[in-house]
mmCIF file of all heavy atoms, coordinates in Angstrom:
data_MODEL
# 
_entry.id   MODEL 
# 
loop_
_atom_site.group_PDB 
_atom_site.id 
_atom_site.type_symbol 
_atom_site.label_atom_id 
_atom_site.label_alt_id 
_atom_site.label_comp_id 
_atom_site.label_asym_id 
_atom_site.label_entity_id 
_atom_site.label_seq_id 
_atom_site.pdbx_PDB_ins_code 
_atom_site.Cartn_x 
_atom_site.Cartn_y 
_atom_site.Cartn_z 
_atom_site.occupancy 
_atom_site.B_iso_or_equiv 
_atom_site.pdbx_formal_charge 
_atom_site.auth_seq_id 
_atom_site.auth_comp_id 
_atom_site.auth_asym_id 
_atom_site.auth_atom_id 
_atom_site.pdbx_PDB_model_num 
ATOM 1   N N   . GLY A 1 1  ? 28.112 14.916 -15.160 1.00 0.00 ? 1  GLY A N   1 
ATOM 2   C CA  . GLY A 1 1  ? 29.051 13.837 -15.419 1.00 0.00 ? 1  GLY A CA  1 
ATOM 3   C C   . GLY A 1 1  ? 29.881 13.504 -14.195 1.00 0.00 ? 1  GLY A C   1 
ATOM 4   O O   . GLY A 1 1  ? 30.037 12.331 -13.818 1.00 0.00 ? 1  GLY A O   1 
ATOM 5   N N   . ARG A 1 2  ? 30.397 14.539 -13.549 1.00 0.00 ? 2  ARG A N   1 
ATOM 6   C CA  . ARG A 1 2  ? 31.219 14.339 -12.354 1.00 0.00 ? 2  ARG A CA  1 
ATOM 7   C C   . ARG A 1 2  ? 30.372 13.788 -11.207 1.00 0.00 ? 2  ARG A C   1 
ATOM 8   O O   . ARG A 1 2  ? 30.820 12.919 -10.445 1.00 0.00 ? 2  ARG A O   1 
ATOM 9   C CB  . ARG A 1 2  ? 31.868 15.663 -11.946 1.00 0.00 ? 2  ARG A CB  1 
ATOM 10  C CG  . ARG A 1 2  ? 32.883 15.521 -10.820 1.00 0.00 ? 2  ARG A CG  1 
ATOM 11  C CD  . ARG A 1 2  ? 33.576 16.842 -10.532 1.00 0.00 ? 2  ARG A CD  1 
ATOM 12  N NE  . ARG A 1 2  ? 32.668 17.838 -10.005 1.00 0.00 ? 2  ARG A NE  1 
ATOM 13  C CZ  . ARG A 1 2  ? 32.423 19.012 -10.572 1.00 0.00 ? 2  ARG A CZ  1 
ATOM 14  N NH1 . ARG A 1 2  ? 33.035 19.337 -11.695 1.00 0.00 ? 2  ARG A NH1 1 
ATOM 15  N NH2 . ARG A 1 2  ? 31.584 19.866 -10.023 1.00 0.00 ? 2  ARG A NH2 1 
ATOM 16  N N   . GLY A 1 3  ? 29.132 14.296 -11.087 1.00 0.00 ? 3  GLY A N   1 
ATOM 17  C CA  . GLY A 1 3  ? 28.250 13.834 -10.018 1.00 0.00 ? 3  GLY A CA  1 
ATOM 18  C C   . GLY A 1 3  ? 27.887 12.367 -10.164 1.00 0.00 ? 3  GLY A C   1 
ATOM 19  O O   . GLY A 1 3  ? 27.874 11.619 -9.175  1.00 0.00 ? 3  GLY A O   1 
ATOM 20  N N   . VAL A 1 4  ? 27.589 11.954 -11.393 1.00 0.00 ? 4  VAL A N   1 
ATOM 21  C CA  . VAL A 1 4  ? 27.263 10.547 -11.642 1.00 0.00 ? 4  VAL A CA  1 
ATOM 22  C C   . VAL A 1 4  ? 28.462 9.666  -11.317 1.00 0.00 ? 4  VAL A C   1 
ATOM 23  O O   . VAL A 1 4  ? 28.325 8.616  -10.679 1.00 0.00 ? 4  VAL A O   1 
ATOM 24  C CB  . VAL A 1 4  ? 26.799 10.346 -13.099 1.00 0.00 ? 4  VAL A CB  1 
ATOM 25  C CG1 . VAL A 1 4  ? 26.783 8.864  -13.477 1.00 0.00 ? 4  VAL A CG1 1 
ATOM 26  C CG2 . VAL A 1 4  ? 25.409 10.945 -13.296 1.00 0.00 ? 4  VAL A CG2 1 
ATOM 27  N N   . LEU A 1 5  ? 29.649 10.082 -11.728 1.00 0.00 ? 5  LEU A N   1 
ATOM 28  C CA  . LEU A 1 5  ? 30.845 9.295  -11.426 1.00 0.00 ? 5  LEU A CA  1 
ATOM 29  C C   . LEU A 1 5  ? 31.111 9.239  -9.920  1.00 0.00 ? 5  LEU A C   1 
ATOM 30  O O   . LEU A 1 5  ? 31.595 8.230  -9.403  1.00 0.00 ? 5  LEU A O   1 
ATOM 31  C CB  . LEU A 1 5  ? 32.057 9.880  -12.153 1.00 0.00 ? 5  LEU A CB  1 
ATOM 32  C CG  . LEU A 1 5  ? 32.120 9.639  -13.666 1.00 0.00 ? 5  LEU A CG  1 
ATOM 33  C CD1 . LEU A 1 5  ? 33.296 10.392 -14.275 1.00 0.00 ? 5  LEU A CD1 1 
ATOM 34  C CD2 . LEU A 1 5  ? 32.234 8.153  -13.971 1.00 0.00 ? 5  LEU A CD2 1 
ATOM 35  N N   . SER A 1 6  ? 30.781 10.315 -9.213  1.00 0.00 ? 6  SER A N   1 
ATOM 36  C CA  . SER A 1 6  ? 31.011 10.325 -7.769  1.00 0.00 ? 6  SER A CA  1 
ATOM 37  C C   . SER A 1 6  ? 30.094 9.346  -7.052  1.00 0.00 ? 6  SER A C   1 
ATOM 38  O O   . SER A 1 6  ? 30.420 8.837  -5.973  1.00 0.00 ? 6  SER A O   1 
ATOM 39  C CB  . SER A 1 6  ? 30.815 11.735 -7.205  1.00 0.00 ? 6  SER A CB  1 
ATOM 40  O OG  . SER A 1 6  ? 29.445 12.106 -7.221  1.00 0.00 ? 6  SER A OG  1 
ATOM 41  N N   . LEU A 1 7  ? 28.916 9.062  -7.638  1.00 0.00 ? 7  LEU A N   1 
ATOM 42  C CA  . LEU A 1 7  ? 28.000 8.099  -7.034  1.00 0.00 ? 7  LEU A CA  1 
ATOM 43  C C   . LEU A 1 7  ? 28.615 6.706  -6.974  1.00 0.00 ? 7  LEU A C   1 
ATOM 44  O O   . LEU A 1 7  ? 28.214 5.869  -6.154  1.00 0.00 ? 7  LEU A O   1 
ATOM 45  C CB  . LEU A 1 7  ? 26.675 8.061  -7.811  1.00 0.00 ? 7  LEU A CB  1 
ATOM 46  C CG  . LEU A 1 7  ? 25.768 9.287  -7.658  1.00 0.00 ? 7  LEU A CG  1 
ATOM 47  C CD1 . LEU A 1 7  ? 24.610 9.208  -8.642  1.00 0.00 ? 7  LEU A CD1 1 
ATOM 48  C CD2 . LEU A 1 7  ? 25.248 9.406  -6.231  1.00 0.00 ? 7  LEU A CD2 1 
ATOM 49  N N   . TYR A 1 8  ? 29.581 6.455  -7.852  1.00 0.00 ? 8  TYR A N   1 
ATOM 50  C CA  . TYR A 1 8  ? 30.297 5.176  -7.839  1.00 0.00 ? 8  TYR A CA  1 
ATOM 51  C C   . TYR A 1 8  ? 30.908 4.916  -6.462  1.00 0.00 ? 8  TYR A C   1 
ATOM 52  O O   . TYR A 1 8  ? 30.826 3.801  -5.935  1.00 0.00 ? 8  TYR A O   1 
ATOM 53  C CB  . TYR A 1 8  ? 31.381 5.198  -8.920  1.00 0.00 ? 8  TYR A CB  1 
ATOM 54  C CG  . TYR A 1 8  ? 32.261 3.966  -8.961  1.00 0.00 ? 8  TYR A CG  1 
ATOM 55  C CD1 . TYR A 1 8  ? 31.996 2.933  -9.861  1.00 0.00 ? 8  TYR A CD1 1 
ATOM 56  C CD2 . TYR A 1 8  ? 33.360 3.827  -8.126  1.00 0.00 ? 8  TYR A CD2 1 
ATOM 57  C CE1 . TYR A 1 8  ? 32.797 1.801  -9.904  1.00 0.00 ? 8  TYR A CE1 1 
ATOM 58  C CE2 . TYR A 1 8  ? 34.169 2.700  -8.153  1.00 0.00 ? 8  TYR A CE2 1 
ATOM 59  C CZ  . TYR A 1 8  ? 33.878 1.689  -9.057  1.00 0.00 ? 8  TYR A CZ  1 
ATOM 60  O OH  . TYR A 1 8  ? 34.679 0.567  -9.084  1.00 0.00 ? 8  TYR A OH  1 
ATOM 61  N N   . SER A 1 9  ? 31.508 5.963  -5.900  1.00 0.00 ? 9  SER A N   1 
ATOM 62  C CA  . SER A 1 9  ? 32.202 5.792  -4.621  1.00 0.00 ? 9  SER A CA  1 
ATOM 63  C C   . SER A 1 9  ? 31.246 5.536  -3.469  1.00 0.00 ? 9  SER A C   1 
ATOM 64  O O   . SER A 1 9  ? 31.652 5.043  -2.412  1.00 0.00 ? 9  SER A O   1 
ATOM 65  C CB  . SER A 1 9  ? 33.060 7.033  -4.315  1.00 0.00 ? 9  SER A CB  1 
ATOM 66  O OG  . SER A 1 9  ? 32.240 8.178  -4.171  1.00 0.00 ? 9  SER A OG  1 
ATOM 67  N N   . ALA A 1 10 ? 29.955 5.867  -3.649  1.00 0.00 ? 10 ALA A N   1 
ATOM 68  C CA  . ALA A 1 10 ? 28.968 5.667  -2.593  1.00 0.00 ? 10 ALA A CA  1 
ATOM 69  C C   . ALA A 1 10 ? 28.204 4.351  -2.752  1.00 0.00 ? 10 ALA A C   1 
ATOM 70  O O   . ALA A 1 10 ? 27.293 4.058  -1.976  1.00 0.00 ? 10 ALA A O   1 
ATOM 71  C CB  . ALA A 1 10 ? 27.977 6.834  -2.580  1.00 0.00 ? 10 ALA A CB  1 
ATOM 72  N N   . ASP A 1 11 ? 28.582 3.578  -3.778  1.00 0.00 ? 11 ASP A N   1 
ATOM 73  C CA  . ASP A 1 11 ? 27.879 2.332  -4.094  1.00 0.00 ? 11 ASP A CA  1 
ATOM 74  C C   . ASP A 1 11 ? 28.751 1.144  -3.700  1.00 0.00 ? 11 ASP A C   1 
ATOM 75  O O   . ASP A 1 11 ? 29.839 0.950  -4.242  1.00 0.00 ? 11 ASP A O   1 
ATOM 76  C CB  . ASP A 1 11 ? 27.559 2.298  -5.593  1.00 0.00 ? 11 ASP A CB  1 
ATOM 77  C CG  . ASP A 1 11 ? 26.639 1.151  -5.979  1.00 0.00 ? 11 ASP A CG  1 
ATOM 78  O OD1 . ASP A 1 11 ? 26.554 0.161  -5.218  1.00 0.00 ? 11 ASP A OD1 1 
ATOM 79  O OD2 . ASP A 1 11 ? 26.013 1.232  -7.053  1.00 0.00 ? 11 ASP A OD2 1 
ATOM 80  N N   . GLN A 1 12 ? 28.271 0.328  -2.784  1.00 0.00 ? 12 GLN A N   1 
ATOM 81  C CA  . GLN A 1 12 ? 29.024 -0.836 -2.322  1.00 0.00 ? 12 GLN A CA  1 
ATOM 82  C C   . GLN A 1 12 ? 29.156 -1.912 -3.400  1.00 0.00 ? 12 GLN A C   1 
ATOM 83  O O   . GLN A 1 12 ? 30.061 -2.752 -3.340  1.00 0.00 ? 12 GLN A O   1 
ATOM 84  C CB  . GLN A 1 12 ? 28.349 -1.442 -1.076  1.00 0.00 ? 12 GLN A CB  1 
ATOM 85  C CG  . GLN A 1 12 ? 28.310 -0.509 0.120   1.00 0.00 ? 12 GLN A CG  1 
ATOM 86  C CD  . GLN A 1 12 ? 29.702 -0.145 0.624   1.00 0.00 ? 12 GLN A CD  1 
ATOM 87  O OE1 . GLN A 1 12 ? 30.577 -0.986 0.738   1.00 0.00 ? 12 GLN A OE1 1 
ATOM 88  N NE2 . GLN A 1 12 ? 29.911 1.139  0.911   1.00 0.00 ? 12 GLN A NE2 1 
ATOM 89  N N   . ASN A 1 13 ? 28.262 -1.884 -4.373  1.00 0.00 ? 13 ASN A N   1 
ATOM 90  C CA  . ASN A 1 13 ? 28.292 -2.880 -5.454  1.00 0.00 ? 13 ASN A CA  1 
ATOM 91  C C   . ASN A 1 13 ? 28.397 -2.195 -6.817  1.00 0.00 ? 13 ASN A C   1 
ATOM 92  O O   . ASN A 1 13 ? 27.720 -2.578 -7.770  1.00 0.00 ? 13 ASN A O   1 
ATOM 93  C CB  . ASN A 1 13 ? 27.038 -3.761 -5.404  1.00 0.00 ? 13 ASN A CB  1 
ATOM 94  C CG  . ASN A 1 13 ? 26.940 -4.567 -4.129  1.00 0.00 ? 13 ASN A CG  1 
ATOM 95  O OD1 . ASN A 1 13 ? 27.874 -5.274 -3.771  1.00 0.00 ? 13 ASN A OD1 1 
ATOM 96  N ND2 . ASN A 1 13 ? 25.816 -4.445 -3.440  1.00 0.00 ? 13 ASN A ND2 1 
ATOM 97  N N   . ALA A 1 14 ? 29.241 -1.204 -6.895  1.00 0.00 ? 14 ALA A N   1 
ATOM 98  C CA  . ALA A 1 14 ? 29.307 -0.364 -8.089  1.00 0.00 ? 14 ALA A CA  1 
ATOM 99  C C   . ALA A 1 14 ? 29.658 -1.136 -9.358  1.00 0.00 ? 14 ALA A C   1 
ATOM 100 O O   . ALA A 1 14 ? 29.175 -0.822 -10.453 1.00 0.00 ? 14 ALA A O   1 
ATOM 101 C CB  . ALA A 1 14 ? 30.318 0.762  -7.873  1.00 0.00 ? 14 ALA A CB  1 
ATOM 102 N N   . ASP A 1 15 ? 30.505 -2.167 -9.257  1.00 0.00 ? 15 ASP A N   1 
ATOM 103 C CA  . ASP A 1 15 ? 30.981 -2.875 -10.441 1.00 0.00 ? 15 ASP A CA  1 
ATOM 104 C C   . ASP A 1 15 ? 30.168 -4.121 -10.788 1.00 0.00 ? 15 ASP A C   1 
ATOM 105 O O   . ASP A 1 15 ? 30.472 -4.799 -11.770 1.00 0.00 ? 15 ASP A O   1 
ATOM 106 C CB  . ASP A 1 15 ? 32.456 -3.276 -10.254 1.00 0.00 ? 15 ASP A CB  1 
ATOM 107 C CG  . ASP A 1 15 ? 33.374 -2.066 -10.273 1.00 0.00 ? 15 ASP A CG  1 
ATOM 108 O OD1 . ASP A 1 15 ? 33.326 -1.318 -11.266 1.00 0.00 ? 15 ASP A OD1 1 
ATOM 109 O OD2 . ASP A 1 15 ? 34.116 -1.859 -9.305  1.00 0.00 ? 15 ASP A OD2 1 
ATOM 110 N N   . ASP A 1 16 ? 29.154 -4.404 -10.002 1.00 0.00 ? 16 ASP A N   1 
ATOM 111 C CA  . ASP A 1 16 ? 28.294 -5.560 -10.256 1.00 0.00 ? 16 ASP A CA  1 
ATOM 112 C C   . ASP A 1 16 ? 27.367 -5.239 -11.432 1.00 0.00 ? 16 ASP A C   1 
ATOM 113 O O   . ASP A 1 16 ? 26.551 -4.318 -11.360 1.00 0.00 ? 16 ASP A O   1 
ATOM 114 C CB  . ASP A 1 16 ? 27.476 -5.858 -8.996  1.00 0.00 ? 16 ASP A CB  1 
ATOM 115 C CG  . ASP A 1 16 ? 26.507 -7.019 -9.172  1.00 0.00 ? 16 ASP A CG  1 
ATOM 116 O OD1 . ASP A 1 16 ? 26.404 -7.565 -10.286 1.00 0.00 ? 16 ASP A OD1 1 
ATOM 117 O OD2 . ASP A 1 16 ? 25.836 -7.370 -8.183  1.00 0.00 ? 16 ASP A OD2 1 
ATOM 118 N N   . ILE A 1 17 ? 27.519 -5.979 -12.537 1.00 0.00 ? 17 ILE A N   1 
ATOM 119 C CA  . ILE A 1 17 ? 26.698 -5.687 -13.726 1.00 0.00 ? 17 ILE A CA  1 
ATOM 120 C C   . ILE A 1 17 ? 25.595 -6.727 -13.925 1.00 0.00 ? 17 ILE A C   1 
ATOM 121 O O   . ILE A 1 17 ? 25.121 -6.940 -15.042 1.00 0.00 ? 17 ILE A O   1 
ATOM 122 C CB  . ILE A 1 17 ? 27.555 -5.549 -15.003 1.00 0.00 ? 17 ILE A CB  1 
ATOM 123 C CG1 . ILE A 1 17 ? 28.334 -6.831 -15.293 1.00 0.00 ? 17 ILE A CG1 1 
ATOM 124 C CG2 . ILE A 1 17 ? 28.493 -4.353 -14.896 1.00 0.00 ? 17 ILE A CG2 1 
ATOM 125 C CD1 . ILE A 1 17 ? 29.034 -6.807 -16.666 1.00 0.00 ? 17 ILE A CD1 1 
ATOM 126 N N   . SER A 1 18 ? 25.166 -7.362 -12.831 1.00 0.00 ? 18 SER A N   1 
ATOM 127 C CA  . SER A 1 18 ? 23.987 -8.222 -12.912 1.00 0.00 ? 18 SER A CA  1 
ATOM 128 C C   . SER A 1 18 ? 22.769 -7.354 -13.190 1.00 0.00 ? 18 SER A C   1 
ATOM 129 O O   . SER A 1 18 ? 22.745 -6.169 -12.839 1.00 0.00 ? 18 SER A O   1 
ATOM 130 C CB  . SER A 1 18 ? 23.787 -8.994 -11.603 1.00 0.00 ? 18 SER A CB  1 
ATOM 131 O OG  . SER A 1 18 ? 23.460 -8.103 -10.543 1.00 0.00 ? 18 SER A OG  1 
ATOM 132 N N   . ILE A 1 19 ? 21.768 -7.919 -13.821 1.00 0.00 ? 19 ILE A N   1 
ATOM 133 C CA  . ILE A 1 19 ? 20.574 -7.150 -14.181 1.00 0.00 ? 19 ILE A CA  1 
ATOM 134 C C   . ILE A 1 19 ? 19.904 -6.566 -12.935 1.00 0.00 ? 19 ILE A C   1 
ATOM 135 O O   . ILE A 1 19 ? 19.479 -5.407 -12.919 1.00 0.00 ? 19 ILE A O   1 
ATOM 136 C CB  . ILE A 1 19 ? 19.574 -8.026 -14.966 1.00 0.00 ? 19 ILE A CB  1 
ATOM 137 C CG1 . ILE A 1 19 ? 20.206 -8.482 -16.288 1.00 0.00 ? 19 ILE A CG1 1 
ATOM 138 C CG2 . ILE A 1 19 ? 18.283 -7.249 -15.239 1.00 0.00 ? 19 ILE A CG2 1 
ATOM 139 C CD1 . ILE A 1 19 ? 20.686 -7.362 -17.189 1.00 0.00 ? 19 ILE A CD1 1 
ATOM 140 N N   . GLU A 1 20 ? 19.836 -7.353 -11.877 1.00 0.00 ? 20 GLU A N   1 
ATOM 141 C CA  . GLU A 1 20 ? 19.205 -6.868 -10.647 1.00 0.00 ? 20 GLU A CA  1 
ATOM 142 C C   . GLU A 1 20 ? 19.925 -5.642 -10.103 1.00 0.00 ? 20 GLU A C   1 
ATOM 143 O O   . GLU A 1 20 ? 19.281 -4.647 -9.718  1.00 0.00 ? 20 GLU A O   1 
ATOM 144 C CB  . GLU A 1 20 ? 19.200 -7.977 -9.597  1.00 0.00 ? 20 GLU A CB  1 
ATOM 145 C CG  . GLU A 1 20 ? 18.526 -7.565 -8.291  1.00 0.00 ? 20 GLU A CG  1 
ATOM 146 C CD  . GLU A 1 20 ? 18.513 -8.683 -7.267  1.00 0.00 ? 20 GLU A CD  1 
ATOM 147 O OE1 . GLU A 1 20 ? 18.853 -9.830 -7.621  1.00 0.00 ? 20 GLU A OE1 1 
ATOM 148 O OE2 . GLU A 1 20 ? 18.166 -8.403 -6.091  1.00 0.00 ? 20 GLU A OE2 1 
ATOM 149 N N   . ASN A 1 21 ? 21.251 -5.690 -10.073 1.00 0.00 ? 21 ASN A N   1 
ATOM 150 C CA  . ASN A 1 21 ? 22.007 -4.574 -9.518  1.00 0.00 ? 21 ASN A CA  1 
ATOM 151 C C   . ASN A 1 21 ? 21.953 -3.350 -10.434 1.00 0.00 ? 21 ASN A C   1 
ATOM 152 O O   . ASN A 1 21 ? 21.827 -2.219 -9.967  1.00 0.00 ? 21 ASN A O   1 
ATOM 153 C CB  . ASN A 1 21 ? 23.466 -4.976 -9.287  1.00 0.00 ? 21 ASN A CB  1 
ATOM 154 C CG  . ASN A 1 21 ? 24.213 -3.953 -8.450  1.00 0.00 ? 21 ASN A CG  1 
ATOM 155 O OD1 . ASN A 1 21 ? 23.807 -3.634 -7.341  1.00 0.00 ? 21 ASN A OD1 1 
ATOM 156 N ND2 . ASN A 1 21 ? 25.290 -3.402 -9.004  1.00 0.00 ? 21 ASN A ND2 1 
ATOM 157 N N   . VAL A 1 22 ? 22.042 -3.570 -11.740 1.00 0.00 ? 22 VAL A N   1 
ATOM 158 C CA  . VAL A 1 22 ? 21.999 -2.446 -12.689 1.00 0.00 ? 22 VAL A CA  1 
ATOM 159 C C   . VAL A 1 22 ? 20.617 -1.796 -12.684 1.00 0.00 ? 22 VAL A C   1 
ATOM 160 O O   . VAL A 1 22 ? 20.501 -0.575 -12.814 1.00 0.00 ? 22 VAL A O   1 
ATOM 161 C CB  . VAL A 1 22 ? 22.390 -2.909 -14.109 1.00 0.00 ? 22 VAL A CB  1 
ATOM 162 C CG1 . VAL A 1 22 ? 22.151 -1.798 -15.135 1.00 0.00 ? 22 VAL A CG1 1 
ATOM 163 C CG2 . VAL A 1 22 ? 23.862 -3.335 -14.138 1.00 0.00 ? 22 VAL A CG2 1 
ATOM 164 N N   . LEU A 1 23 ? 19.568 -2.595 -12.511 1.00 0.00 ? 23 LEU A N   1 
ATOM 165 C CA  . LEU A 1 23 ? 18.226 -2.010 -12.405 1.00 0.00 ? 23 LEU A CA  1 
ATOM 166 C C   . LEU A 1 23 ? 18.139 -1.127 -11.163 1.00 0.00 ? 23 LEU A C   1 
ATOM 167 O O   . LEU A 1 23 ? 17.593 -0.021 -11.210 1.00 0.00 ? 23 LEU A O   1 
ATOM 168 C CB  . LEU A 1 23 ? 17.167 -3.106 -12.344 1.00 0.00 ? 23 LEU A CB  1 
ATOM 169 C CG  . LEU A 1 23 ? 15.719 -2.617 -12.189 1.00 0.00 ? 23 LEU A CG  1 
ATOM 170 C CD1 . LEU A 1 23 ? 15.312 -1.730 -13.370 1.00 0.00 ? 23 LEU A CD1 1 
ATOM 171 C CD2 . LEU A 1 23 ? 14.764 -3.788 -12.050 1.00 0.00 ? 23 LEU A CD2 1 
ATOM 172 N N   . ARG A 1 24 ? 18.696 -1.606 -10.050 1.00 0.00 ? 24 ARG A N   1 
ATOM 173 C CA  . ARG A 1 24 ? 18.715 -0.801 -8.827  1.00 0.00 ? 24 ARG A CA  1 
ATOM 174 C C   . ARG A 1 24 ? 19.481 0.498  -9.051  1.00 0.00 ? 24 ARG A C   1 
ATOM 175 O O   . ARG A 1 24 ? 19.011 1.592  -8.679  1.00 0.00 ? 24 ARG A O   1 
ATOM 176 C CB  . ARG A 1 24 ? 19.362 -1.619 -7.707  1.00 0.00 ? 24 ARG A CB  1 
ATOM 177 C CG  . ARG A 1 24 ? 19.320 -0.994 -6.328  1.00 0.00 ? 24 ARG A CG  1 
ATOM 178 C CD  . ARG A 1 24 ? 20.585 -0.240 -5.951  1.00 0.00 ? 24 ARG A CD  1 
ATOM 179 N NE  . ARG A 1 24 ? 21.777 -1.056 -6.090  1.00 0.00 ? 24 ARG A NE  1 
ATOM 180 C CZ  . ARG A 1 24 ? 23.004 -0.579 -6.008  1.00 0.00 ? 24 ARG A CZ  1 
ATOM 181 N NH1 . ARG A 1 24 ? 23.209 0.721  -5.808  1.00 0.00 ? 24 ARG A NH1 1 
ATOM 182 N NH2 . ARG A 1 24 ? 24.064 -1.359 -6.179  1.00 0.00 ? 24 ARG A NH2 1 
ATOM 183 N N   . GLN A 1 25 ? 20.628 0.420  -9.701  1.00 0.00 ? 25 GLN A N   1 
ATOM 184 C CA  . GLN A 1 25 ? 21.417 1.614  -10.009 1.00 0.00 ? 25 GLN A CA  1 
ATOM 185 C C   . GLN A 1 25 ? 20.653 2.555  -10.941 1.00 0.00 ? 25 GLN A C   1 
ATOM 186 O O   . GLN A 1 25 ? 20.707 3.783  -10.794 1.00 0.00 ? 25 GLN A O   1 
ATOM 187 C CB  . GLN A 1 25 ? 22.741 1.210  -10.651 1.00 0.00 ? 25 GLN A CB  1 
ATOM 188 C CG  . GLN A 1 25 ? 23.690 0.471  -9.707  1.00 0.00 ? 25 GLN A CG  1 
ATOM 189 C CD  . GLN A 1 25 ? 24.893 -0.103 -10.426 1.00 0.00 ? 25 GLN A CD  1 
ATOM 190 O OE1 . GLN A 1 25 ? 24.826 -0.460 -11.609 1.00 0.00 ? 25 GLN A OE1 1 
ATOM 191 N NE2 . GLN A 1 25 ? 26.014 -0.213 -9.717  1.00 0.00 ? 25 GLN A NE2 1 
# 
């Protein structure tokens, strides 16, 4: 859980919820 949340900080587009970006995530 903590590791997944930490990946947020390494993602330049973490809050982008477009289908393309979420598929990449």
